[in-house]
């Protein structure tokens, strides 16, 4: 499983990248069919709160799953995205089991 992290309009710290990699491997443990995970981190408006935009795309054999959140911190946003993607992965696994 490949994890790609893109930080737009800023440089992501090693601590943030390590956090994302750790949480992303959690998705890989749930579903071993994941091929690639793309993470995009953006600072929308630097002078306001709730300005960290996190978009996560998970590529699976039959398509892709997507979650996007805007929060105060990138860690909080990524956690929310992982929670949403876990639900989507469970639905995907149920559908594939029934086939």
C-alpha atoms as a PDB file:
ATOM      1  CA  UNK A   1       0.000   0.000   0.000  1.00  0.00           C
ATOM      2  CA  UNK A   2       1.401   3.362  -1.061  1.00  0.00           C
ATOM      3  CA  UNK A   3       0.694   6.536   0.926  1.00  0.00           C
ATOM      4  CA  UNK A   4       1.135   9.872  -0.868  1.00  0.00           C
ATOM      5  CA  UNK A   5       1.027  13.096   1.182  1.00  0.00           C
ATOM      6  CA  UNK A   6       0.700  16.464  -0.564  1.00  0.00           C
ATOM      7  CA  UNK A   7       0.904  19.681   1.414  1.00  0.00           C
ATOM      8  CA  UNK A   8      -0.386  22.672  -0.538  1.00  0.00           C
ATOM      9  CA  UNK A   9       0.757  26.223   0.376  1.00  0.00           C
ATOM     10  CA  UNK A  10       2.919  25.003   3.299  1.00  0.00           C
ATOM     11  CA  UNK A  11       5.545  22.405   4.263  1.00  0.00           C
ATOM     12  CA  UNK A  12       4.294  19.499   6.365  1.00  0.00           C
ATOM     13  CA  UNK A  13       6.412  18.593   9.391  1.00  0.00           C
ATOM     14  CA  UNK A  14       7.881  15.128   9.874  1.00  0.00           C
ATOM     15  CA  UNK A  15       5.692  14.743  12.972  1.00  0.00           C
ATOM     16  CA  UNK A  16       2.549  15.375  10.897  1.00  0.00           C
ATOM     17  CA  UNK A  17       3.695  12.956   8.180  1.00  0.00           C
ATOM     18  CA  UNK A  18       4.427  10.270  10.791  1.00  0.00           C
ATOM     19  CA  UNK A  19       0.977  10.790  12.321  1.00  0.00           C
ATOM     20  CA  UNK A  20      -0.697  10.424   8.905  1.00  0.00           C
ATOM     21  CA  UNK A  21       1.302   7.307   8.027  1.00  0.00           C
ATOM     22  CA  UNK A  22       0.430   5.692  11.371  1.00  0.00           C
ATOM     23  CA  UNK A  23      -3.299   6.391  10.994  1.00  0.00           C
ATOM     24  CA  UNK A  24      -3.329   5.401   7.299  1.00  0.00           C
ATOM     25  CA  UNK A  25      -1.896   1.975   8.095  1.00  0.00           C
ATOM     26  CA  UNK A  26      -4.970   1.486  10.306  1.00  0.00           C
ATOM     27  CA  UNK A  27      -7.057   1.595   7.110  1.00  0.00           C
ATOM     28  CA  UNK A  28      -4.750  -0.988   5.544  1.00  0.00           C
ATOM     29  CA  UNK A  29      -5.361  -3.365   8.445  1.00  0.00           C
ATOM     30  CA  UNK A  30      -9.125  -3.127   7.932  1.00  0.00           C
ATOM     31  CA  UNK A  31      -8.996  -3.809   4.187  1.00  0.00           C
ATOM     32  CA  UNK A  32      -5.993  -5.443   2.526  1.00  0.00           C
ATOM     33  CA  UNK A  33      -7.277  -4.569  -0.963  1.00  0.00           C
ATOM     34  CA  UNK A  34      -6.222  -0.899  -0.668  1.00  0.00           C
ATOM     35  CA  UNK A  35      -3.716  -0.053  -3.390  1.00  0.00           C
ATOM     36  CA  UNK A  36      -2.966   3.594  -2.674  1.00  0.00           C
ATOM     37  CA  UNK A  37      -3.942   6.411  -0.303  1.00  0.00           C
ATOM     38  CA  UNK A  38      -3.665  10.051  -1.402  1.00  0.00           C
ATOM     39  CA  UNK A  39      -3.732  12.731   1.301  1.00  0.00           C
ATOM     40  CA  UNK A  40      -4.022  16.421   0.417  1.00  0.00           C
ATOM     41  CA  UNK A  41      -3.442  19.023   3.124  1.00  0.00           C
ATOM     42  CA  UNK A  42      -4.350  22.670   2.477  1.00  0.00           C
ATOM     43  CA  UNK A  43      -4.417  25.865   4.495  1.00  0.00           C
ATOM     44  CA  UNK A  44      -7.518  27.646   3.220  1.00  0.00           C
ATOM     45  CA  UNK A  45      -7.395  31.075   4.861  1.00  0.00           C
ATOM     46  CA  UNK A  46      -4.415  31.475   7.189  1.00  0.00           C
ATOM     47  CA  UNK A  47      -5.955  34.232   9.316  1.00  0.00           C
ATOM     48  CA  UNK A  48      -9.121  32.336  10.361  1.00  0.00           C
ATOM     49  CA  UNK A  49      -9.894  29.318  12.521  1.00  0.00           C
ATOM     50  CA  UNK A  50     -11.223  26.121  10.941  1.00  0.00           C
ATOM     51  CA  UNK A  51      -8.825  26.663   8.037  1.00  0.00           C
ATOM     52  CA  UNK A  52      -7.140  23.257   7.686  1.00  0.00           C
ATOM     53  CA  UNK A  53      -8.610  21.297   4.753  1.00  0.00           C
ATOM     54  CA  UNK A  54      -7.839  17.562   4.626  1.00  0.00           C
ATOM     55  CA  UNK A  55      -8.887  15.430   1.637  1.00  0.00           C
ATOM     56  CA  UNK A  56      -8.197  11.690   1.577  1.00  0.00           C
ATOM     57  CA  UNK A  57      -8.727   9.386  -1.404  1.00  0.00           C
ATOM     58  CA  UNK A  58      -8.434   5.624  -0.989  1.00  0.00           C
ATOM     59  CA  UNK A  59      -7.966   3.584  -4.163  1.00  0.00           C
ATOM     60  CA  UNK A  60      -9.490   0.101  -4.120  1.00  0.00           C
ATOM     61  CA  UNK A  61      -9.873  -2.440  -6.972  1.00  0.00           C
ATOM     62  CA  UNK A  62     -13.413  -1.390  -7.988  1.00  0.00           C
ATOM     63  CA  UNK A  63     -13.005   2.370  -7.612  1.00  0.00           C
ATOM     64  CA  UNK A  64     -12.135   4.858  -4.923  1.00  0.00           C
ATOM     65  CA  UNK A  65     -13.396   6.158  -1.596  1.00  0.00           C
ATOM     66  CA  UNK A  66     -13.170   9.824  -0.638  1.00  0.00           C
ATOM     67  CA  UNK A  67     -13.480  11.943   2.501  1.00  0.00           C
ATOM     68  CA  UNK A  68     -12.847  15.649   3.041  1.00  0.00           C
ATOM     69  CA  UNK A  69     -12.958  17.615   6.281  1.00  0.00           C
ATOM     70  CA  UNK A  70     -12.158  21.172   7.386  1.00  0.00           C
ATOM     71  CA  UNK A  71     -10.965  21.528  10.996  1.00  0.00           C
ATOM     72  CA  UNK A  72      -8.707  23.544  13.312  1.00  0.00           C
ATOM     73  CA  UNK A  73      -5.770  21.118  13.010  1.00  0.00           C
ATOM     74  CA  UNK A  74      -4.620  18.687  10.348  1.00  0.00           C
ATOM     75  CA  UNK A  75      -4.536  15.862  12.907  1.00  0.00           C
ATOM     76  CA  UNK A  76      -8.178  16.424  13.841  1.00  0.00           C
ATOM     77  CA  UNK A  77      -9.174  16.627  10.182  1.00  0.00           C
ATOM     78  CA  UNK A  78      -7.302  13.462   9.263  1.00  0.00           C
ATOM     79  CA  UNK A  79      -8.850  11.586  12.200  1.00  0.00           C
ATOM     80  CA  UNK A  80     -12.325  12.603  10.987  1.00  0.00           C
ATOM     81  CA  UNK A  81     -11.500  11.487   7.454  1.00  0.00           C
ATOM     82  CA  UNK A  82     -10.222   8.120   8.707  1.00  0.00           C
ATOM     83  CA  UNK A  83     -13.446   7.597  10.673  1.00  0.00           C
ATOM     84  CA  UNK A  84     -15.539   8.355   7.583  1.00  0.00           C
ATOM     85  CA  UNK A  85     -13.394   6.093   5.411  1.00  0.00           C
ATOM     86  CA  UNK A  86     -13.622   3.234   7.910  1.00  0.00           C
ATOM     87  CA  UNK A  87     -17.414   3.322   7.534  1.00  0.00           C
ATOM     88  CA  UNK A  88     -17.086   3.379   3.740  1.00  0.00           C
ATOM     89  CA  UNK A  89     -14.632   0.465   3.814  1.00  0.00           C
ATOM     90  CA  UNK A  90     -16.978  -1.598   5.971  1.00  0.00           C
ATOM     91  CA  UNK A  91     -19.812  -1.018   3.470  1.00  0.00           C
ATOM     92  CA  UNK A  92     -17.460  -1.931   0.611  1.00  0.00           C
ATOM     93  CA  UNK A  93     -16.419  -5.164   2.341  1.00  0.00           C
ATOM     94  CA  UNK A  94     -20.060  -6.116   2.999  1.00  0.00           C
ATOM     95  CA  UNK A  95     -20.911  -5.577  -0.676  1.00  0.00           C
ATOM     96  CA  UNK A  96     -17.980  -7.667  -1.874  1.00  0.00           C
ATOM     97  CA  UNK A  97     -18.792 -10.454   0.601  1.00  0.00           C
ATOM     98  CA  UNK A  98     -22.301 -10.766  -0.808  1.00  0.00           C
ATOM     99  CA  UNK A  99     -21.035 -11.323  -4.355  1.00  0.00           C
END
